[in-house]
Amino acid sequence: MGLLTDTNLDHVKFDGASGDNALLCACRNGHFEIARFLCSKGSSLSLKLDDNSTSLMAATHGGNLDIMEMVVEQCPALLKQASINGWTQLMIAAREGNYEIAEFLCKNQDTDVDQQSANGENALMIASEHDHPSIVRLMCSHSRNINAVRKGDQRSALMLACTGGGEVVKILTQFQADQRMQDSFGLDARMIAENGGHTEIISLLD
């Protein structure tokens, strides 16, 4: 390790697929001690990859809360950064079902829970589509607009949930998600559930 840090590792790509340098590799793989060591040797947590993703996003993939806290403490501005396709670390946590990381991010005032990606998705939609009930409840409790829709098919979190599990639909209806909204095909939540044969979900809708 000491020999490696004799040179500037910030610009050496260790992972050809992702373009990660040593520090980003450590963050992405959840290796807190290695990440802390590299930071102590001058590696920068503020570097970005070509797709504009950051060390905080890499740490979210790694799922290590200690690394997340270290990154936010040293580079709080990264909380407001998004990748080139508009994805944020909260969206990543929502997709991967990591409640601990999502909760940590939501507690920070610089996290915009309702921020939407380039195609209009937000963390609530992503958690709903991937059937993560605990994160859906967390997002609903922080969201200012649970009826936001993504671009293209114009589907809301509730509509996306109607192709998955009933628990997410139950949570969204408890938070008064609009059941009458229609997507770009003229379908509302109940119609989507009916088309998919989701009888449990149909029973939960008005």
Protein backbone atom coordinates (compact mmCIF):
# COMPACT_ATOMS: atom_id res chain seq x y z
CA MET A 1 0.00 0.00 0.00
CA GLY A 2 2.82 2.37 0.86
CA LEU A 3 4.50 1.86 -2.50
CA LEU A 4 1.27 2.62 -4.32
CA THR A 5 0.77 5.92 -2.55
CA ASP A 6 4.16 7.21 -3.67
CA THR A 7 2.42 8.30 -6.88
CA ASN A 8 -0.76 10.26 -7.53
CA LEU A 9 -3.47 7.59 -7.61
CA ASP A 10 -6.30 10.01 -8.37
CA HIS A 11 -5.62 9.74 -12.09
CA VAL A 12 -4.81 6.03 -12.27
CA LYS A 13 -7.77 3.92 -13.37
CA PHE A 14 -7.84 0.61 -11.55
CA ASP A 15 -11.14 -0.60 -12.98
CA GLY A 16 -11.34 -0.38 -16.75
CA ALA A 17 -15.09 -0.96 -16.88
CA SER A 18 -16.10 1.79 -14.47
CA GLY A 19 -13.07 4.05 -14.80
CA ASP A 20 -12.67 4.05 -11.01
CA ASN A 21 -9.42 5.10 -9.43
CA ALA A 22 -8.20 3.42 -6.21
CA LEU A 23 -10.31 5.57 -3.90
CA LEU A 24 -13.50 5.14 -5.93
CA CYS A 25 -12.88 1.39 -6.07
CA ALA A 26 -12.62 1.33 -2.29
CA CYS A 27 -15.83 3.35 -1.95
CA ARG A 28 -17.72 1.20 -4.46
CA ASN A 29 -16.66 -2.02 -2.74
CA GLY A 30 -17.34 -0.84 0.78
CA HIS A 31 -13.74 -0.89 1.99
CA PHE A 32 -13.76 1.83 4.62
CA GLU A 33 -10.25 1.38 6.00
CA ILE A 34 -8.72 1.48 2.52
CA ALA A 35 -10.76 4.55 1.59
CA ARG A 36 -9.74 6.33 4.78
CA PHE A 37 -6.09 5.41 4.22
CA LEU A 38 -6.13 6.73 0.65
CA CYS A 39 -7.73 9.98 1.82
CA SER A 40 -5.01 10.35 4.45
CA LYS A 41 -2.45 10.06 1.63
CA GLY A 42 -4.04 12.84 -0.37
CA SER A 43 -6.54 11.11 -2.63
CA SER A 44 -9.44 13.41 -3.37
CA LEU A 45 -13.08 12.48 -2.70
CA SER A 46 -14.19 15.32 -4.97
CA LEU A 47 -13.05 13.75 -8.25
CA LYS A 48 -15.76 12.78 -10.75
CA LEU A 49 -15.89 10.11 -13.44
CA ASP A 50 -16.62 10.86 -17.09
CA ASP A 51 -20.33 10.28 -16.49
CA ASN A 52 -20.24 12.88 -13.70
CA SER A 53 -20.76 10.25 -10.99
CA THR A 54 -19.01 10.87 -7.69
CA SER A 55 -17.36 9.13 -4.76
CA LEU A 56 -20.63 9.51 -2.84
CA MET A 57 -22.46 7.58 -5.55
CA ALA A 58 -19.74 4.93 -5.52
CA ALA A 59 -20.08 4.69 -1.74
CA THR A 60 -23.83 4.26 -2.12
CA HIS A 61 -23.22 1.28 -4.40
CA GLY A 62 -20.85 -0.09 -1.75
CA GLY A 63 -23.50 0.27 0.94
CA ASN A 64 -21.02 1.22 3.67
CA LEU A 65 -22.47 3.88 5.95
CA ASP A 66 -19.07 4.72 7.46
CA ILE A 67 -17.78 5.65 4.01
CA MET A 68 -20.93 7.66 3.28
CA GLU A 69 -20.46 9.66 6.48
CA MET A 70 -16.78 10.26 5.70
CA VAL A 71 -17.53 11.48 2.18
CA VAL A 72 -20.35 13.80 3.29
CA GLU A 73 -18.22 15.20 6.11
CA GLN A 74 -15.35 16.00 3.74
CA CYS A 75 -17.32 16.91 0.61
CA PRO A 76 -20.89 17.94 1.58
CA ALA A 77 -21.40 19.58 -1.83
CA LEU A 78 -21.56 16.10 -3.40
CA LEU A 79 -25.04 15.70 -1.93
CA LYS A 80 -26.28 18.11 -4.59
CA GLN A 81 -24.47 16.44 -7.49
CA ALA A 82 -26.10 14.20 -10.09
CA SER A 83 -24.62 11.95 -12.76
CA ILE A 84 -24.85 12.81 -16.44
CA ASN A 85 -28.22 11.03 -16.67
CA GLY A 86 -29.52 12.89 -13.63
CA TRP A 87 -29.23 10.04 -11.16
CA THR A 88 -28.41 10.81 -7.53
CA GLN A 89 -27.11 8.68 -4.68
CA LEU A 90 -30.64 8.56 -3.21
CA MET A 91 -31.95 7.05 -6.45
CA ILE A 92 -29.21 4.42 -6.30
CA ALA A 93 -30.10 3.55 -2.71
CA ALA A 94 -33.79 3.36 -3.68
CA ARG A 95 -33.07 0.99 -6.56
CA GLU A 96 -30.83 -1.25 -4.47
CA GLY A 97 -33.17 -1.31 -1.48
CA ASN A 98 -30.61 0.02 0.98
CA TYR A 99 -32.78 1.57 3.69
CA GLU A 100 -29.92 2.55 5.98
CA ILE A 101 -28.24 4.59 3.26
CA ALA A 102 -31.52 6.10 2.07
CA GLU A 103 -32.40 7.16 5.62
CA PHE A 104 -28.97 8.71 6.12
CA LEU A 105 -29.36 10.74 2.93
CA CYS A 106 -32.90 11.85 3.75
CA LYS A 107 -31.76 13.24 7.10
CA ASN A 108 -29.45 15.67 5.32
CA GLN A 109 -31.06 18.96 4.35
CA ASP A 110 -29.06 19.09 1.10
CA THR A 111 -30.77 15.95 -0.22
CA ASP A 112 -33.65 16.70 -2.57
CA VAL A 113 -35.95 13.69 -2.23
CA ASP A 114 -38.07 14.83 -5.19
CA GLN A 115 -35.18 15.42 -7.59
CA GLN A 116 -35.86 13.78 -10.96
CA SER A 117 -33.44 12.16 -13.39
CA ALA A 118 -33.15 12.96 -17.08
CA ASN A 119 -36.11 10.67 -17.82
CA GLY A 120 -38.16 12.09 -14.96
CA GLU A 121 -37.74 9.34 -12.38
CA ASN A 122 -37.31 10.14 -8.72
CA ALA A 123 -36.35 7.97 -5.74
CA LEU A 124 -39.97 7.23 -4.84
CA MET A 125 -40.77 5.97 -8.33
CA ILE A 126 -37.65 3.83 -8.38
CA ALA A 127 -38.33 2.28 -4.96
CA SER A 128 -41.95 1.67 -5.96
CA GLU A 129 -41.03 -0.03 -9.23
CA HIS A 130 -38.43 -2.23 -7.50
CA ASP A 131 -40.83 -3.14 -4.67
CA HIS A 132 -38.99 -1.77 -1.64
CA PRO A 133 -41.80 -0.96 0.86
CA SER A 134 -39.67 0.47 3.68
CA ILE A 135 -37.94 2.91 1.33
CA VAL A 136 -41.26 3.84 -0.29
CA ARG A 137 -42.63 4.77 3.14
CA LEU A 138 -39.48 6.78 3.87
CA MET A 139 -39.73 8.64 0.56
CA CYS A 140 -43.43 9.36 1.06
CA SER A 141 -42.75 10.85 4.48
CA HIS A 142 -40.23 13.29 2.97
CA SER A 143 -41.69 13.95 -0.49
CA ARG A 144 -43.48 17.14 -1.43
CA ASN A 145 -45.17 15.51 -4.43
CA ILE A 146 -45.83 11.78 -4.41
CA ASN A 147 -47.82 12.13 -7.65
CA ALA A 148 -44.92 13.25 -9.83
CA VAL A 149 -44.70 11.40 -13.15
CA ARG A 150 -41.75 10.32 -15.25
CA LYS A 151 -41.29 11.30 -18.87
CA GLY A 152 -42.49 9.12 -21.72
CA ASP A 153 -45.21 6.89 -20.26
CA GLN A 154 -46.20 9.53 -17.68
CA ARG A 155 -46.46 6.98 -14.89
CA SER A 156 -46.46 7.89 -11.22
CA ALA A 157 -45.06 5.88 -8.32
CA LEU A 158 -48.47 4.32 -7.71
CA MET A 159 -48.83 3.25 -11.33
CA LEU A 160 -45.36 1.71 -11.27
CA ALA A 161 -46.18 -0.11 -8.04
CA CYS A 162 -49.26 -1.69 -9.60
CA THR A 163 -47.07 -4.16 -11.49
CA GLY A 164 -45.36 -5.37 -8.30
CA GLY A 165 -46.22 -6.07 -4.68
CA GLY A 166 -49.31 -5.04 -2.75
CA GLU A 167 -47.44 -3.64 0.26
CA VAL A 168 -46.03 -0.73 -1.75
CA VAL A 169 -49.47 0.06 -3.17
CA LYS A 170 -50.94 0.01 0.33
CA ILE A 171 -48.34 2.48 1.56
CA LEU A 172 -48.87 4.84 -1.37
CA THR A 173 -52.65 4.85 -0.92
CA GLN A 174 -52.15 5.56 2.80
CA PHE A 175 -50.24 8.66 1.75
CA GLN A 176 -53.12 9.65 -0.54
CA ALA A 177 -51.50 8.92 -3.90
CA ASP A 178 -53.84 9.92 -6.71
CA GLN A 179 -55.54 6.79 -8.07
CA ARG A 180 -57.33 8.63 -10.88
CA MET A 181 -54.28 9.89 -12.72
CA GLN A 182 -53.76 8.38 -16.17
CA ASP A 183 -50.55 7.53 -17.99
CA SER A 184 -49.80 8.35 -21.62
CA PHE A 185 -51.86 5.31 -22.69
CA GLY A 186 -54.93 6.47 -20.77
CA LEU A 187 -54.52 3.86 -18.03
CA ASP A 188 -54.99 4.58 -14.35
CA ALA A 189 -53.57 2.53 -11.46
CA ARG A 190 -56.48 0.11 -11.29
CA MET A 191 -56.40 -0.55 -15.04
CA ILE A 192 -52.67 -1.28 -14.88
CA ALA A 193 -53.24 -3.76 -12.05
CA GLU A 194 -56.12 -5.38 -13.94
CA ASN A 195 -54.04 -5.73 -17.09
CA GLY A 196 -51.38 -7.53 -15.09
CA GLY A 197 -53.84 -9.75 -13.26
CA HIS A 198 -52.75 -8.44 -9.84
CA THR A 199 -55.86 -9.26 -7.83
CA GLU A 200 -54.35 -8.32 -4.47
CA ILE A 201 -53.48 -4.85 -5.75
CA ILE A 202 -56.91 -4.40 -7.33
CA SER A 203 -58.50 -5.05 -3.93
CA LEU A 204 -56.44 -2.24 -2.41
CA LEU A 205 -57.62 0.38 -4.91
CA ASP A 206 -60.91 2.27 -4.94
